[in-house]
Amino acid sequence: MMRFFFLALFARLSLVGAFAPPASHANFAMTAVNAPSQGSPSTQQQSSTALSEMLTQTELPEKLYFEEDREMPKVLGGLKIGLRKLVVITGASSGLGLNCAVTLAKTGKYFVVMACRDVEKGKAVAKERGMPDGSYTVMKLELGSLQSVRDFVANLKAFKSARPLNHLICNAAVYRPTDPEPAWTDDGFEMSMGVNHFGHFLLVNLLLDDMKKAKDPQVCIVGSITGNTNTIGGGLVYPQANLGNLKGFEQGATKPVEMADGKPFFGAKAYKDSKVCNMMTVSELHRRYHDSTGIVFSSMYPGCIAETQLFREKRPWFRKAFPWFMKYVTGGYVGEEEAGERLAQVIDDPQCNKSGVYWSWNGSAQTVGRWSPDGKPRGAGGSGGEIFENTQSDAVRDLPTAKKMWDLSVKAVGLSEKEMCKGMKE
């Protein structure tokens, strides 16, 4: 009973911290950094604390992807790839994506394309983490720009030449719970939905025709319990994901439309809604394309990676308390390295060669974990345990809504009939 009390209390406190208006904007914070120091040491200490909180707020530029950001296509990639399987991982410069990239590269069986917003950062972290030379390349991908997605696909095809893509892992995500107003992608989508769903939706569809030529091809789109209302994180913690009747998508999903359901912007819900769309996309890909292409489509929940950069916009107190809370109260905590190994397992483990599955570990996260002798709750999706086929919520499995989401997404990202993979089941 006491653990449920803590759970409810923390959920309440997280709302207060998560949805308070930003203390200030980044440009004000930088002005404060450059200003001469004045006042007493205690005043300076208070100012430093306030400044630290200010700097956790991120302002995005008006445009994310420019003509000069386009990369020259890399060529002769087939020689580098050799006999290894070719895998693309989005968001591979940090967190879950990076740890998955490291795990797969070090097996010696995979050549990894790290699809990153910041190419130089991707190169630096790959070296820092000891990824073997010749086991990877870093390519520019800004999921907040449909043009960047198309450029990435063109560059990938030029790099690999006739060699088909074996595996695609859609991992990158943004989470902006503190924003009082929506940010927008280059194409006018609300940022969370634009990056997490629409960017990946276009990417997958542009690569299906190529992937169906590969041996044992797989597409994995990372899901989340926050999008499943049959879990603690998705059902108990407000707000719940809810696409409604997709009124926002019907209106084109672009500015001034702020949410999938057509309602006013709510940062935390925007993220959850985007994860519902991710998991629905997997179900629709499986239903429409698995039989005709042989591609295995799956989703997975890696556990709660409480130290991930996904929470970089949370308040400092939250980022300190959240890992402890997930370890010792809910039992949902998993470290970045183990989470990366879990994502890699979905690609590398023969038992995961089954389409239409939502993979999880160590319990379904539908209750808080059971207490264990080491003092860490078990069975809530956290560290340890074996992989298993999890059950998604009724909302995620809502076929009419999933079909509607698919059709409206095709229209929103501008996919032409020629670009769509042949053999689709309606």
Foldseek 3Di string as FASTA:
>chain_A
DVLVVVLLVVLVVLLVQLAAAQPDEPVVLVVVVPDDDDDDPVVVVVVVQSSVSNVLDDDDDLALDDPVNQDDAAAPLQVLFDQAAEEEFEPCLFFLNVLLLQVVQVVVRYQYEYEYQDQVSSVVVCVVSPRDPSRYHYDYADLLDLVSLVSRVVSVCRHNPLDFHAEYEAEDFAARQHHPAFDHGPLAAGRRLSRLALSVLSNVQLRLQRNLVDDLHEYEYEAACCLFCLACNQVVRPDHADLDLQVCLVVLNGPPQAARVSDHHRRRNRNSNSRLLRLLSQQQCCQWPCVPRVYAGEYEYLFCQLQTCSCSSGGPVCSVVVQVSCFQSQLRAEHRNSSSVVVSCCVPPPVNSHHPFYKAFFAQNSGRFCADPVNGGTHNRHPDGDMDGYDGHVNSVVVVSSVVSSVSSCVSSVPDPVSGHPRTDD
